[in-house]
Amino acid sequence: MVAAFCVDINSATLLKRGVAFAKVEARDVWQQSDLFSESERIALEYAEAVTLHSGDIQEGLMERLKKHFAEDAIVELTALIEFQNLSSKFTSALGVPPPGFLPDSCA
C-alpha cells in the first residue's frame, strides 16, 4: 500500500517542478497512459519490480533499463525507489496523514 502522505508530497513536488497535472493524475494508470515516455515507463516498471519483487528482478527488465540509463543512474534510481519504500512504510506505520499539498482532485 502506498502511503497517502508520500503520494501527496511527491505529487505536489512533481507539479512544482513543472510536470503536467494530467501526468500526475495518470500515475496509477501509467501502463495505459500515452503521457509517459519509453524511459519513464521502464523506470516505473523497474520501480514496481523493486518494490514488489526486489529479490527477483528479471534479466530482461534490467537489460531494457540499461538501454535508457547509465549504471550510476540505475544505482541512483534504485536508491530513490528504496527511500520511497522506506518512507511509505514509515509514514503508514505511524499513521502520518497527508500534509495537504496536493489538490483534492489528484489525491
C-alpha atoms as a PDB file:
ATOM      1  CA  MET A   1       0.000   0.000   0.000  1.00  0.00           C
ATOM      2  CA  VAL A   2       1.273   3.452  -0.879  1.00  0.00           C
ATOM      3  CA  ALA A   3       1.153   5.933   1.960  1.00  0.00           C
ATOM      4  CA  ALA A   4      -1.173   8.854   1.294  1.00  0.00           C
ATOM      5  CA  PHE A   5       1.463  11.137   2.821  1.00  0.00           C
ATOM      6  CA  CYS A   6       4.023  10.084   0.191  1.00  0.00           C
ATOM      7  CA  VAL A   7       1.593  10.380  -2.713  1.00  0.00           C
ATOM      8  CA  ASP A   8       0.607  13.849  -1.554  1.00  0.00           C
ATOM      9  CA  ILE A   9       4.065  15.290  -1.036  1.00  0.00           C
ATOM     10  CA  ASN A  10       5.720  13.640  -4.048  1.00  0.00           C
ATOM     11  CA  SER A  11       2.900  14.552  -6.423  1.00  0.00           C
ATOM     12  CA  ALA A  12       2.993  18.139  -5.214  1.00  0.00           C
ATOM     13  CA  THR A  13       6.765  18.168  -5.792  1.00  0.00           C
ATOM     14  CA  LEU A  14       6.264  16.917  -9.357  1.00  0.00           C
ATOM     15  CA  LEU A  15       3.743  19.684 -10.032  1.00  0.00           C
ATOM     16  CA  LYS A  16       6.112  22.287  -8.576  1.00  0.00           C
ATOM     17  CA  ARG A  17       8.855  21.018 -10.917  1.00  0.00           C
ATOM     18  CA  GLY A  18       6.632  21.508 -13.939  1.00  0.00           C
ATOM     19  CA  VAL A  19       5.214  18.034 -14.525  1.00  0.00           C
ATOM     20  CA  ALA A  20       1.777  18.324 -16.130  1.00  0.00           C
ATOM     21  CA  PHE A  21      -1.180  17.826 -13.797  1.00  0.00           C
ATOM     22  CA  ALA A  22      -2.622  15.213 -16.196  1.00  0.00           C
ATOM     23  CA  LYS A  23       0.564  13.171 -15.871  1.00  0.00           C
ATOM     24  CA  VAL A  24       0.451  13.294 -12.080  1.00  0.00           C
ATOM     25  CA  GLU A  25      -3.189  12.179 -12.211  1.00  0.00           C
ATOM     26  CA  ALA A  26      -2.222   9.283 -14.502  1.00  0.00           C
ATOM     27  CA  ARG A  27       0.369   7.878 -12.085  1.00  0.00           C
ATOM     28  CA  ASP A  28      -1.812   4.885 -11.177  1.00  0.00           C
ATOM     29  CA  VAL A  29      -2.537   4.019 -14.812  1.00  0.00           C
ATOM     30  CA  TRP A  30       0.893   4.726 -16.279  1.00  0.00           C
ATOM     31  CA  GLN A  31       0.854   1.448 -18.206  1.00  0.00           C
ATOM     32  CA  GLN A  32      -2.202   2.547 -20.208  1.00  0.00           C
ATOM     33  CA  SER A  33      -1.330   6.243 -20.492  1.00  0.00           C
ATOM     34  CA  ASP A  34       0.272   7.863 -23.534  1.00  0.00           C
ATOM     35  CA  LEU A  35       1.680  10.601 -21.275  1.00  0.00           C
ATOM     36  CA  PHE A  36       4.799   8.665 -20.289  1.00  0.00           C
ATOM     37  CA  SER A  37       7.922   8.274 -22.429  1.00  0.00           C
ATOM     38  CA  GLU A  38       9.551   4.911 -23.020  1.00  0.00           C
ATOM     39  CA  SER A  39      12.301   5.664 -20.496  1.00  0.00           C
ATOM     40  CA  GLU A  40       9.725   6.748 -17.902  1.00  0.00           C
ATOM     41  CA  ARG A  41       7.774   3.534 -18.471  1.00  0.00           C
ATOM     42  CA  ILE A  42      10.909   1.435 -17.965  1.00  0.00           C
ATOM     43  CA  ALA A  43      11.750   3.369 -14.780  1.00  0.00           C
ATOM     44  CA  LEU A  44       8.208   2.896 -13.471  1.00  0.00           C
ATOM     45  CA  GLU A  45       8.242  -0.810 -14.339  1.00  0.00           C
ATOM     46  CA  TYR A  46      11.550  -1.124 -12.513  1.00  0.00           C
ATOM     47  CA  ALA A  47      10.176   0.776  -9.503  1.00  0.00           C
ATOM     48  CA  GLU A  48       7.250  -1.636  -9.285  1.00  0.00           C
ATOM     49  CA  ALA A  49       9.544  -4.648  -9.652  1.00  0.00           C
ATOM     50  CA  VAL A  50      11.923  -3.427  -6.941  1.00  0.00           C
ATOM     51  CA  THR A  51       9.004  -2.637  -4.648  1.00  0.00           C
ATOM     52  CA  LEU A  52       7.120  -5.889  -5.182  1.00  0.00           C
ATOM     53  CA  HIS A  53       9.867  -8.387  -6.070  1.00  0.00           C
ATOM     54  CA  SER A  54      13.189  -6.845  -5.006  1.00  0.00           C
ATOM     55  CA  GLY A  55      14.999 -10.185  -4.801  1.00  0.00           C
ATOM     56  CA  ASP A  56      13.901 -11.262  -8.272  1.00  0.00           C
ATOM     57  CA  ILE A  57      14.454  -8.568 -10.903  1.00  0.00           C
ATOM     58  CA  GLN A  58      14.075 -10.206 -14.289  1.00  0.00           C
ATOM     59  CA  GLU A  59      17.155 -10.059 -16.531  1.00  0.00           C
ATOM     60  CA  GLY A  60      15.075  -8.720 -19.433  1.00  0.00           C
ATOM     61  CA  LEU A  61      13.905  -5.775 -17.356  1.00  0.00           C
ATOM     62  CA  MET A  62      17.460  -4.929 -16.328  1.00  0.00           C
ATOM     63  CA  GLU A  63      18.615  -5.075 -19.948  1.00  0.00           C
ATOM     64  CA  ARG A  64      15.800  -2.725 -21.039  1.00  0.00           C
ATOM     65  CA  LEU A  65      16.659  -0.395 -18.154  1.00  0.00           C
ATOM     66  CA  LYS A  66      20.323  -0.298 -19.243  1.00  0.00           C
ATOM     67  CA  LYS A  67      19.250   0.857 -22.716  1.00  0.00           C
ATOM     68  CA  HIS A  68      17.871   4.059 -21.172  1.00  0.00           C
ATOM     69  CA  PHE A  69      20.038   4.655 -18.113  1.00  0.00           C
ATOM     70  CA  ALA A  70      23.735   4.514 -17.269  1.00  0.00           C
ATOM     71  CA  GLU A  71      24.842   2.298 -14.389  1.00  0.00           C
ATOM     72  CA  ASP A  72      25.232   5.216 -11.985  1.00  0.00           C
ATOM     73  CA  ALA A  73      21.717   6.407 -12.852  1.00  0.00           C
ATOM     74  CA  ILE A  74      20.344   2.901 -12.158  1.00  0.00           C
ATOM     75  CA  VAL A  75      22.063   2.906  -8.770  1.00  0.00           C
ATOM     76  CA  GLU A  76      20.592   6.344  -8.034  1.00  0.00           C
ATOM     77  CA  LEU A  77      17.135   5.242  -9.229  1.00  0.00           C
ATOM     78  CA  THR A  78      17.303   2.115  -7.056  1.00  0.00           C
ATOM     79  CA  ALA A  79      18.303   4.168  -4.007  1.00  0.00           C
ATOM     80  CA  LEU A  80      15.437   6.593  -4.611  1.00  0.00           C
ATOM     81  CA  ILE A  81      12.946   3.735  -5.008  1.00  0.00           C
ATOM     82  CA  GLU A  82      14.113   2.170  -1.763  1.00  0.00           C
ATOM     83  CA  PHE A  83      13.997   5.512   0.055  1.00  0.00           C
ATOM     84  CA  GLN A  84      10.398   5.968  -1.096  1.00  0.00           C
ATOM     85  CA  ASN A  85       9.542   2.436   0.038  1.00  0.00           C
ATOM     86  CA  LEU A  86      11.047   3.132   3.455  1.00  0.00           C
ATOM     87  CA  SER A  87       9.268   6.476   3.705  1.00  0.00           C
ATOM     88  CA  SER A  88       5.940   4.932   2.737  1.00  0.00           C
ATOM     89  CA  LYS A  89       6.224   2.155   5.322  1.00  0.00           C
ATOM     90  CA  PHE A  90       7.380   4.607   7.990  1.00  0.00           C
ATOM     91  CA  THR A  91       4.556   7.112   7.488  1.00  0.00           C
ATOM     92  CA  SER A  92       1.953   4.353   7.132  1.00  0.00           C
ATOM     93  CA  ALA A  93       3.063   2.607  10.318  1.00  0.00           C
ATOM     94  CA  LEU A  94       2.838   5.860  12.262  1.00  0.00           C
ATOM     95  CA  GLY A  95      -0.445   6.898  10.640  1.00  0.00           C
ATOM     96  CA  VAL A  96       1.024  10.157   9.360  1.00  0.00           C
ATOM     97  CA  PRO A  97      -1.751  11.967   7.464  1.00  0.00           C
ATOM     98  CA  PRO A  98      -1.172  13.658   4.101  1.00  0.00           C
ATOM     99  CA  PRO A  99       0.067  17.228   4.600  1.00  0.00           C
ATOM    100  CA  GLY A 100      -2.472  18.544   2.087  1.00  0.00           C
ATOM    101  CA  PHE A 101      -0.107  19.862  -0.574  1.00  0.00           C
ATOM    102  CA  LEU A 102      -1.925  18.130  -3.406  1.00  0.00           C
ATOM    103  CA  PRO A 103      -5.232  19.351  -4.833  1.00  0.00           C
ATOM    104  CA  ASP A 104      -8.115  17.056  -3.785  1.00  0.00           C
ATOM    105  CA  SER A 105      -8.801  16.161  -7.399  1.00  0.00           C
ATOM    106  CA  CYS A 106      -5.387  14.496  -7.662  1.00  0.00           C
ATOM    107  CA  ALA A 107      -5.265  12.696  -4.320  1.00  0.00           C
END
